[in-house]
């Protein structure tokens, strides 16, 4: 019996062997020179087992450990109006094992949160196997006011000749 890897890239697969027939005791030889009946801590791949009984009769089998595709995601934020909570983020997710759960840095659990102010946002995506993927994005306000100023220093001590000119 093969136990597949839950999250892409992990090494938590296992193979549990049950042997019937032949003459006991059996010897086991796995890919990589492992000599135990059962093996664990496996990454995805194909593992070959040769079982030889006490009479020297061999039998072989290939066992496949699978894994899900990696979780990938992208965020497409909108632009928020100045001082308004009218921004949103559209999230696109693939891979892993559905369904997905979402936890945003603003405590939203929606896939596509709305009514957002201009700010940085992070979402942790968790698939059905508990595998996680994190995406950072920013809702911006490119039309925020910009202020600049020019100044004229006072000419003499205790003089009232200094000025500040503010442009917004």
N, C-alpha and C. Protein backbone atom coordinates (compact mmCIF):
# COMPACT_ATOMS: atom_id res chain seq x y z
N UNK A 1 0.86 -1.17 0.00
CA UNK A 1 0.00 0.00 0.00
C UNK A 1 0.90 1.23 0.00
N UNK A 2 0.67 2.14 -0.94
CA UNK A 2 1.46 3.36 -1.04
C UNK A 2 0.72 4.52 -0.40
N UNK A 3 1.43 5.31 0.38
CA UNK A 3 0.90 6.54 0.95
C UNK A 3 1.57 7.69 0.22
N UNK A 4 0.76 8.47 -0.52
CA UNK A 4 1.29 9.56 -1.33
C UNK A 4 1.74 10.73 -0.47
N UNK A 5 2.55 11.60 -1.08
CA UNK A 5 3.00 12.84 -0.46
C UNK A 5 1.83 13.82 -0.46
N UNK A 6 1.59 14.51 0.65
CA UNK A 6 0.45 15.43 0.77
C UNK A 6 0.71 16.77 0.10
N UNK A 7 1.93 17.31 0.28
CA UNK A 7 2.27 18.62 -0.26
C UNK A 7 3.45 18.46 -1.20
N UNK A 8 3.42 19.17 -2.30
CA UNK A 8 4.48 19.08 -3.29
C UNK A 8 5.84 19.34 -2.66
N UNK A 9 6.79 18.44 -2.94
CA UNK A 9 8.15 18.62 -2.45
C UNK A 9 8.44 17.99 -1.10
N UNK A 10 7.43 17.50 -0.41
CA UNK A 10 7.67 16.87 0.89
C UNK A 10 8.24 15.46 0.72
N UNK A 11 8.76 14.93 1.81
CA UNK A 11 9.26 13.55 1.84
C UNK A 11 8.57 12.81 2.97
N UNK A 12 7.25 12.62 2.80
CA UNK A 12 6.46 11.95 3.85
C UNK A 12 5.69 10.75 3.31
N UNK A 13 6.03 10.32 2.09
CA UNK A 13 5.37 9.14 1.52
C UNK A 13 5.85 7.88 2.21
N UNK A 14 5.07 6.80 2.03
CA UNK A 14 5.44 5.53 2.65
C UNK A 14 4.91 4.38 1.79
N UNK A 15 5.55 3.21 1.96
CA UNK A 15 5.08 2.00 1.29
C UNK A 15 5.04 0.89 2.33
N UNK A 16 3.87 0.26 2.46
CA UNK A 16 3.63 -0.84 3.39
C UNK A 16 3.43 -2.10 2.55
N UNK A 17 4.32 -3.07 2.69
CA UNK A 17 4.31 -4.27 1.87
C UNK A 17 3.65 -5.42 2.62
N UNK A 18 2.83 -6.18 1.90
CA UNK A 18 2.26 -7.43 2.41
C UNK A 18 2.62 -8.53 1.42
N UNK A 19 3.27 -9.58 1.89
CA UNK A 19 3.73 -10.66 1.02
C UNK A 19 2.91 -11.91 1.31
N UNK A 20 2.52 -12.59 0.22
CA UNK A 20 1.82 -13.88 0.34
C UNK A 20 2.49 -14.89 -0.58
N UNK A 21 2.50 -16.13 -0.18
CA UNK A 21 3.04 -17.20 -1.01
C UNK A 21 4.53 -17.37 -0.81
N UNK A 22 5.09 -18.29 -1.57
CA UNK A 22 6.52 -18.57 -1.46
C UNK A 22 6.85 -19.20 -0.12
N UNK A 23 8.13 -19.24 0.16
CA UNK A 23 8.61 -19.85 1.40
C UNK A 23 9.29 -18.78 2.24
N UNK A 24 8.82 -18.65 3.48
CA UNK A 24 9.43 -17.68 4.39
C UNK A 24 10.76 -18.24 4.87
N UNK A 25 11.67 -17.39 5.29
CA UNK A 25 11.61 -15.94 5.38
C UNK A 25 11.92 -15.29 4.02
N UNK A 26 11.49 -14.04 3.93
CA UNK A 26 11.70 -13.27 2.70
C UNK A 26 12.83 -12.26 2.91
N UNK A 27 13.50 -11.91 1.84
CA UNK A 27 14.44 -10.79 1.88
C UNK A 27 13.89 -9.71 0.96
N UNK A 28 14.20 -8.47 1.32
CA UNK A 28 13.67 -7.31 0.60
C UNK A 28 14.82 -6.45 0.12
N UNK A 29 14.75 -6.02 -1.14
CA UNK A 29 15.76 -5.11 -1.65
C UNK A 29 15.05 -4.02 -2.45
N UNK A 30 15.09 -2.80 -1.90
CA UNK A 30 14.47 -1.64 -2.52
C UNK A 30 15.49 -0.86 -3.34
N UNK A 31 14.99 -0.03 -4.23
CA UNK A 31 15.83 0.95 -4.91
C UNK A 31 16.61 1.70 -3.84
N UNK A 32 17.89 1.87 -4.04
CA UNK A 32 18.71 2.58 -3.05
C UNK A 32 19.26 1.66 -1.98
N UNK A 33 19.16 0.36 -2.16
CA UNK A 33 19.74 -0.64 -1.25
C UNK A 33 19.12 -0.65 0.13
N UNK A 34 17.87 -0.31 0.25
CA UNK A 34 17.18 -0.47 1.54
C UNK A 34 16.72 -1.92 1.63
N UNK A 35 16.86 -2.51 2.82
CA UNK A 35 16.57 -3.93 2.97
C UNK A 35 15.50 -4.21 4.01
N UNK A 36 14.53 -3.32 4.13
CA UNK A 36 13.43 -3.54 5.07
C UNK A 36 12.15 -3.80 4.29
N UNK A 37 11.19 -4.40 4.96
CA UNK A 37 9.92 -4.71 4.31
C UNK A 37 9.18 -3.44 3.92
N UNK A 38 9.04 -2.52 4.87
CA UNK A 38 8.31 -1.27 4.65
C UNK A 38 9.29 -0.11 4.66
N UNK A 39 9.00 0.93 3.87
CA UNK A 39 9.87 2.11 3.84
C UNK A 39 9.01 3.36 4.00
N UNK A 40 9.63 4.41 4.53
CA UNK A 40 8.89 5.66 4.76
C UNK A 40 9.81 6.85 4.52
N UNK A 41 9.26 8.04 4.76
CA UNK A 41 9.98 9.30 4.53
C UNK A 41 10.40 9.42 3.06
N UNK A 42 9.48 9.10 2.17
CA UNK A 42 9.77 9.07 0.74
C UNK A 42 9.25 10.31 0.05
N UNK A 43 10.01 10.75 -0.95
CA UNK A 43 9.53 11.81 -1.84
C UNK A 43 8.80 11.13 -3.00
N UNK A 44 8.16 11.93 -3.84
CA UNK A 44 7.44 11.37 -4.98
C UNK A 44 8.41 10.67 -5.92
N UNK A 45 7.94 9.57 -6.50
CA UNK A 45 8.78 8.85 -7.45
C UNK A 45 8.37 7.40 -7.53
N UNK A 46 9.12 6.64 -8.32
CA UNK A 46 8.86 5.21 -8.49
C UNK A 46 9.93 4.44 -7.73
N UNK A 47 9.49 3.49 -6.92
CA UNK A 47 10.38 2.68 -6.11
C UNK A 47 10.23 1.22 -6.54
N UNK A 48 11.36 0.55 -6.77
CA UNK A 48 11.35 -0.85 -7.18
C UNK A 48 11.74 -1.72 -6.00
N UNK A 49 10.96 -2.79 -5.81
CA UNK A 49 11.20 -3.74 -4.72
C UNK A 49 11.41 -5.12 -5.33
N UNK A 50 12.47 -5.80 -4.89
CA UNK A 50 12.67 -7.20 -5.25
C UNK A 50 12.56 -8.01 -3.97
N UNK A 51 11.61 -8.95 -3.96
CA UNK A 51 11.40 -9.84 -2.80
C UNK A 51 11.90 -11.22 -3.22
N UNK A 52 12.73 -11.80 -2.38
CA UNK A 52 13.25 -13.15 -2.65
C UNK A 52 12.85 -14.03 -1.48
N UNK A 53 12.27 -15.21 -1.80
CA UNK A 53 11.87 -16.10 -0.72
C UNK A 53 13.03 -17.02 -0.33
N UNK A 54 12.81 -17.88 0.66
CA UNK A 54 13.87 -18.74 1.19
C UNK A 54 14.40 -19.71 0.14
N UNK A 55 13.62 -20.01 -0.90
CA UNK A 55 14.06 -20.92 -1.96
C UNK A 55 14.82 -20.19 -3.07
N UNK A 56 15.00 -18.87 -2.93
CA UNK A 56 15.73 -18.10 -3.91
C UNK A 56 14.87 -17.64 -5.08
N UNK A 57 13.55 -17.72 -4.94
CA UNK A 57 12.66 -17.28 -6.02
C UNK A 57 12.36 -15.79 -5.85
N UNK A 58 12.74 -14.97 -6.86
CA UNK A 58 12.51 -13.53 -6.75
C UNK A 58 11.20 -13.10 -7.44
N UNK A 59 10.68 -12.01 -6.97
CA UNK A 59 9.56 -11.32 -7.62
C UNK A 59 9.81 -9.82 -7.42
N UNK A 60 9.47 -9.02 -8.42
CA UNK A 60 9.70 -7.58 -8.28
C UNK A 60 8.41 -6.82 -8.53
N UNK A 61 8.38 -5.63 -8.00
CA UNK A 61 7.22 -4.75 -8.18
C UNK A 61 7.70 -3.31 -8.15
N UNK A 62 7.05 -2.47 -8.96
CA UNK A 62 7.28 -1.03 -8.92
C UNK A 62 6.12 -0.39 -8.18
N UNK A 63 6.44 0.51 -7.27
CA UNK A 63 5.42 1.22 -6.50
C UNK A 63 5.64 2.72 -6.72
N UNK A 64 4.55 3.43 -7.03
CA UNK A 64 4.64 4.85 -7.33
C UNK A 64 4.09 5.66 -6.16
N UNK A 65 4.87 6.64 -5.72
CA UNK A 65 4.44 7.62 -4.73
C UNK A 65 4.14 8.90 -5.50
N UNK A 66 2.91 9.36 -5.42
CA UNK A 66 2.48 10.57 -6.14
C UNK A 66 2.51 11.78 -5.22
N UNK A 67 2.44 12.95 -5.84
CA UNK A 67 2.34 14.20 -5.09
C UNK A 67 1.47 15.16 -5.89
N UNK A 68 0.79 16.09 -5.21
CA UNK A 68 0.02 17.09 -5.95
C UNK A 68 0.95 18.11 -6.61
N UNK A 69 0.42 18.81 -7.59
CA UNK A 69 1.19 19.89 -8.20
C UNK A 69 1.37 20.99 -7.15
N UNK A 70 2.41 21.81 -7.29
CA UNK A 70 2.60 22.88 -6.30
C UNK A 70 1.47 23.90 -6.38
N UNK A 71 1.16 24.49 -5.25
CA UNK A 71 0.18 25.58 -5.22
C UNK A 71 0.85 26.80 -5.84
N UNK A 72 0.13 27.47 -6.73
CA UNK A 72 0.59 28.74 -7.27
C UNK A 72 -0.58 29.71 -7.19
N UNK A 73 -0.27 30.97 -7.04
CA UNK A 73 -1.32 31.97 -6.95
C UNK A 73 -0.78 33.32 -7.38
N UNK A 74 -1.70 34.14 -7.88
CA UNK A 74 -1.35 35.52 -8.21
C UNK A 74 -2.50 36.41 -7.78
N UNK A 75 -2.15 37.63 -7.39
CA UNK A 75 -3.14 38.60 -6.92
C UNK A 75 -3.18 39.77 -7.89
N UNK A 76 -4.38 40.22 -8.20
CA UNK A 76 -4.57 41.37 -9.08
C UNK A 76 -5.35 42.43 -8.30
N UNK A 77 -4.65 43.39 -7.67
CA UNK A 77 -5.34 44.40 -6.87
C UNK A 77 -5.87 45.54 -7.75
N UNK A 78 -6.98 46.13 -7.30
CA UNK A 78 -7.49 47.32 -7.97
C UNK A 78 -6.90 48.56 -7.31
N UNK A 79 -7.26 49.71 -7.82
CA UNK A 79 -6.81 50.98 -7.26
C UNK A 79 -7.90 51.50 -6.33
N UNK A 80 -7.51 51.93 -5.14
CA UNK A 80 -8.47 52.50 -4.19
C UNK A 80 -8.49 54.01 -4.34
N UNK A 81 -9.68 54.58 -4.17
CA UNK A 81 -9.79 56.04 -4.18
C UNK A 81 -9.20 56.60 -2.90
N UNK A 82 -8.75 57.84 -2.96
CA UNK A 82 -8.12 58.48 -1.81
C UNK A 82 -9.06 58.48 -0.60
N UNK A 83 -8.61 57.87 0.48
CA UNK A 83 -9.37 57.87 1.72
C UNK A 83 -10.61 56.99 1.70
N UNK A 84 -10.81 56.23 0.65
CA UNK A 84 -12.01 55.39 0.53
C UNK A 84 -11.65 53.91 0.63
N UNK A 85 -12.60 53.12 1.08
CA UNK A 85 -12.45 51.67 1.15
C UNK A 85 -13.19 51.07 -0.05
N UNK A 86 -12.66 51.33 -1.24
CA UNK A 86 -13.32 50.84 -2.44
C UNK A 86 -12.38 50.00 -3.33
N UNK A 87 -11.27 49.55 -2.78
CA UNK A 87 -10.35 48.69 -3.51
C UNK A 87 -10.76 47.23 -3.37
N UNK A 88 -10.20 46.38 -4.22
CA UNK A 88 -10.45 44.94 -4.10
C UNK A 88 -9.25 44.19 -4.65
N UNK A 89 -9.21 42.89 -4.38
CA UNK A 89 -8.14 42.03 -4.88
C UNK A 89 -8.78 40.80 -5.49
N UNK A 90 -8.37 40.48 -6.71
CA UNK A 90 -8.83 39.25 -7.37
C UNK A 90 -7.68 38.26 -7.32
N UNK A 91 -7.94 37.11 -6.71
CA UNK A 91 -6.93 36.09 -6.49
C UNK A 91 -7.16 34.92 -7.45
N UNK A 92 -6.11 34.45 -8.09
CA UNK A 92 -6.17 33.28 -8.96
C UNK A 92 -5.27 32.21 -8.35
N UNK A 93 -5.84 31.01 -8.10
CA UNK A 93 -5.10 29.94 -7.41
C UNK A 93 -5.20 28.65 -8.23
N UNK A 94 -4.11 27.90 -8.28
CA UNK A 94 -4.13 26.59 -8.91
C UNK A 94 -3.16 25.66 -8.18
N UNK A 95 -3.22 24.38 -8.50
CA UNK A 95 -2.34 23.39 -7.90
C UNK A 95 -2.83 22.93 -6.55
N UNK A 96 -2.02 22.17 -5.86
CA UNK A 96 -2.40 21.65 -4.55
C UNK A 96 -3.62 20.75 -4.66
N UNK A 97 -4.37 20.68 -3.56
CA UNK A 97 -5.57 19.86 -3.51
C UNK A 97 -6.72 20.73 -3.04
N UNK A 98 -7.73 20.89 -3.87
CA UNK A 98 -8.90 21.72 -3.53
C UNK A 98 -9.76 20.99 -2.50
N UNK A 99 -10.54 21.71 -1.70
CA UNK A 99 -10.78 23.15 -1.72
C UNK A 99 -9.68 23.91 -0.98
N UNK A 100 -9.64 25.22 -1.26
CA UNK A 100 -8.67 26.10 -0.63
C UNK A 100 -9.34 26.93 0.46
N UNK A 101 -8.55 27.31 1.45
CA UNK A 101 -8.97 28.27 2.46
C UNK A 101 -8.08 29.50 2.34
N UNK A 102 -8.61 30.66 2.75
CA UNK A 102 -7.88 31.92 2.60
C UNK A 102 -7.88 32.67 3.93
N UNK A 103 -6.72 33.20 4.32
CA UNK A 103 -6.62 34.05 5.49
C UNK A 103 -5.79 35.26 5.12
N UNK A 104 -6.47 36.42 5.03
CA UNK A 104 -5.81 37.67 4.66
C UNK A 104 -5.29 38.37 5.90
N UNK A 105 -4.32 39.24 5.71
CA UNK A 105 -3.72 39.99 6.81
C UNK A 105 -4.73 40.93 7.47
N UNK A 106 -5.83 41.23 6.81
CA UNK A 106 -6.88 42.06 7.42
C UNK A 106 -7.99 41.19 8.02
N UNK A 107 -7.74 39.89 8.19
CA UNK A 107 -8.64 38.90 8.79
C UNK A 107 -9.77 38.45 7.89
N UNK A 108 -9.79 38.88 6.65
CA UNK A 108 -10.80 38.39 5.70
C UNK A 108 -10.49 36.95 5.34
N UNK A 109 -11.54 36.16 5.13
CA UNK A 109 -11.38 34.79 4.67
C UNK A 109 -11.97 34.62 3.27
N UNK A 110 -12.28 35.72 2.61
CA UNK A 110 -12.81 35.68 1.25
C UNK A 110 -11.67 35.45 0.26
N UNK A 111 -11.97 34.75 -0.82
CA UNK A 111 -10.96 34.58 -1.87
C UNK A 111 -10.61 35.93 -2.48
N UNK A 112 -11.62 36.73 -2.76
CA UNK A 112 -11.44 38.03 -3.41
C UNK A 112 -12.00 39.13 -2.50
N UNK A 113 -11.21 39.62 -1.54
CA UNK A 113 -11.71 40.62 -0.61
C UNK A 113 -12.03 41.94 -1.31
N UNK A 114 -13.04 42.62 -0.79
CA UNK A 114 -13.47 43.90 -1.35
C UNK A 114 -13.53 44.95 -0.25
N UNK A 115 -13.84 46.17 -0.65
CA UNK A 115 -13.96 47.30 0.28
C UNK A 115 -12.65 47.54 1.04
N UNK A 116 -11.56 47.56 0.30
CA UNK A 116 -10.23 47.70 0.89
C UNK A 116 -9.70 49.12 0.71
N UNK A 117 -8.98 49.59 1.71
CA UNK A 117 -8.26 50.86 1.62
C UNK A 117 -6.90 50.59 1.00
N UNK A 118 -6.25 51.63 0.52
CA UNK A 118 -4.89 51.48 -0.02
C UNK A 118 -3.97 51.00 1.11
N UNK A 119 -3.32 49.85 0.90
CA UNK A 119 -2.47 49.27 1.94
C UNK A 119 -1.80 48.02 1.36
N UNK A 120 -0.87 47.44 2.13
CA UNK A 120 -0.25 46.16 1.79
C UNK A 120 -1.10 45.04 2.36
N UNK A 121 -1.26 43.95 1.61
CA UNK A 121 -2.06 42.82 2.05
C UNK A 121 -1.30 41.53 1.78
N UNK A 122 -1.45 40.56 2.69
CA UNK A 122 -0.85 39.24 2.55
C UNK A 122 -1.96 38.21 2.73
N UNK A 123 -1.95 37.18 1.88
CA UNK A 123 -2.91 36.10 2.04
C UNK A 123 -2.14 34.78 2.17
N UNK A 124 -2.58 33.94 3.12
CA UNK A 124 -2.08 32.58 3.24
C UNK A 124 -3.16 31.67 2.68
N UNK A 125 -2.80 30.92 1.63
CA UNK A 125 -3.72 29.99 0.99
C UNK A 125 -3.39 28.61 1.55
N UNK A 126 -4.40 27.90 2.04
CA UNK A 126 -4.21 26.56 2.59
C UNK A 126 -5.10 25.60 1.81
N UNK A 127 -4.49 24.52 1.29
CA UNK A 127 -5.29 23.56 0.53
C UNK A 127 -5.87 22.49 1.46
N UNK A 128 -6.60 21.53 0.89
CA UNK A 128 -7.28 20.50 1.67
C UNK A 128 -6.32 19.61 2.46
N UNK A 129 -5.04 19.56 2.05
CA UNK A 129 -4.05 18.76 2.76
C UNK A 129 -3.26 19.55 3.79
N UNK A 130 -3.59 20.84 3.95
CA UNK A 130 -2.87 21.68 4.90
C UNK A 130 -1.62 22.31 4.32
N UNK A 131 -1.42 22.20 3.01
CA UNK A 131 -0.26 22.82 2.35
C UNK A 131 -0.54 24.31 2.20
N UNK A 132 0.49 25.13 2.40
CA UNK A 132 0.30 26.59 2.38
C UNK A 132 1.12 27.26 1.29
N UNK A 133 0.58 28.40 0.83
CA UNK A 133 1.25 29.26 -0.14
C UNK A 133 0.90 30.70 0.24
N UNK A 134 1.89 31.59 0.24
CA UNK A 134 1.68 32.98 0.67
C UNK A 134 1.88 33.93 -0.50
N UNK A 135 0.96 34.90 -0.61
CA UNK A 135 1.04 35.92 -1.65
C UNK A 135 0.97 37.29 -0.98
N UNK A 136 1.87 38.19 -1.38
CA UNK A 136 1.85 39.57 -0.92
C UNK A 136 1.42 40.46 -2.08
N UNK A 137 0.59 41.46 -1.78
CA UNK A 137 0.16 42.39 -2.82
C UNK A 137 -0.13 43.74 -2.19
N UNK A 138 -0.42 44.72 -3.01
CA UNK A 138 -0.68 46.07 -2.51
C UNK A 138 -1.81 46.72 -3.29
N UNK A 139 -2.79 47.22 -2.55
CA UNK A 139 -3.82 48.07 -3.14
C UNK A 139 -3.27 49.49 -3.03
N UNK A 140 -3.15 50.17 -4.17
CA UNK A 140 -2.52 51.49 -4.17
C UNK A 140 -3.53 52.60 -4.43
N UNK A 141 -3.10 53.81 -4.13
CA UNK A 141 -3.85 55.01 -4.45
C UNK A 141 -2.87 55.95 -5.13
N UNK A 142 -2.76 55.85 -6.47
CA UNK A 142 -1.77 56.67 -7.16
C UNK A 142 -2.15 58.14 -7.23
N UNK A 143 -3.39 58.45 -6.89
CA UNK A 143 -3.85 59.83 -6.97
C UNK A 143 -3.87 60.52 -5.62
N UNK A 144 -3.12 60.02 -4.68
CA UNK A 144 -3.05 60.65 -3.35
C UNK A 144 -2.42 62.03 -3.50
N UNK A 145 -2.83 62.98 -2.68
CA UNK A 145 -2.25 64.33 -2.78
C UNK A 145 -0.75 64.28 -2.52
N UNK A 146 -0.05 65.13 -3.24
CA UNK A 146 1.40 65.27 -3.06
C UNK A 146 1.65 66.72 -2.70
N UNK A 147 2.37 66.94 -1.64
CA UNK A 147 2.65 68.31 -1.19
C UNK A 147 4.13 68.60 -1.34
N UNK A 148 4.43 69.83 -1.75
CA UNK A 148 5.81 70.28 -1.80
C UNK A 148 5.83 71.72 -1.29
N UNK A 149 6.97 72.13 -0.84
CA UNK A 149 7.05 73.50 -0.32
C UNK A 149 8.39 74.12 -0.70
N UNK A 150 8.38 75.42 -0.71
CA UNK A 150 9.61 76.19 -0.84
C UNK A 150 9.66 77.17 0.31
N UNK A 151 10.85 77.46 0.76
CA UNK A 151 10.96 78.36 1.90
C UNK A 151 11.98 79.45 1.60
N UNK A 152 11.76 80.54 2.26
CA UNK A 152 12.72 81.64 2.24
C UNK A 152 13.09 81.89 3.68
N UNK A 153 14.38 81.75 3.98
CA UNK A 153 14.84 81.93 5.36
C UNK A 153 14.78 83.40 5.76
N UNK A 154 14.75 83.59 7.05
CA UNK A 154 14.79 84.93 7.65
C UNK A 154 16.15 85.55 7.34
N UNK A 155 16.13 86.82 6.95
CA UNK A 155 17.37 87.48 6.60
C UNK A 155 18.22 87.82 7.82
N UNK A 156 17.60 88.33 8.84
CA UNK A 156 18.32 88.73 10.05
C UNK A 156 17.60 88.16 11.26
N UNK A 157 18.37 87.97 12.34
CA UNK A 157 17.81 87.46 13.58
C UNK A 157 16.67 88.36 14.04
N UNK A 158 15.58 87.75 14.45
CA UNK A 158 14.37 88.40 14.93
C UNK A 158 13.66 89.20 13.84
N UNK A 159 13.99 88.90 12.62
CA UNK A 159 13.34 89.55 11.48
C UNK A 159 12.13 88.69 11.09
N UNK A 160 11.12 89.24 10.51
CA UNK A 160 9.93 88.49 10.08
C UNK A 160 9.87 88.46 8.56
N UNK A 161 10.96 88.09 7.93
CA UNK A 161 11.02 88.12 6.47
C UNK A 161 10.96 86.72 5.86
N UNK A 162 10.90 85.67 6.67
CA UNK A 162 10.86 84.31 6.13
C UNK A 162 9.47 83.98 5.57
N UNK A 163 9.44 83.05 4.57
CA UNK A 163 8.17 82.64 3.97
C UNK A 163 8.21 81.14 3.71
N UNK A 164 7.01 80.56 3.64
CA UNK A 164 6.84 79.17 3.20
C UNK A 164 5.73 79.18 2.16
N UNK A 165 5.99 78.56 1.03
CA UNK A 165 4.99 78.46 -0.03
C UNK A 165 4.69 76.99 -0.20
N UNK A 166 3.43 76.58 0.01
CA UNK A 166 3.01 75.19 -0.07
C UNK A 166 2.23 74.97 -1.35
N UNK A 167 2.59 73.87 -2.07
CA UNK A 167 1.88 73.51 -3.28
C UNK A 167 1.37 72.08 -3.11
N UNK A 168 0.05 71.90 -3.34
CA UNK A 168 -0.56 70.58 -3.23
C UNK A 168 -1.00 70.13 -4.60
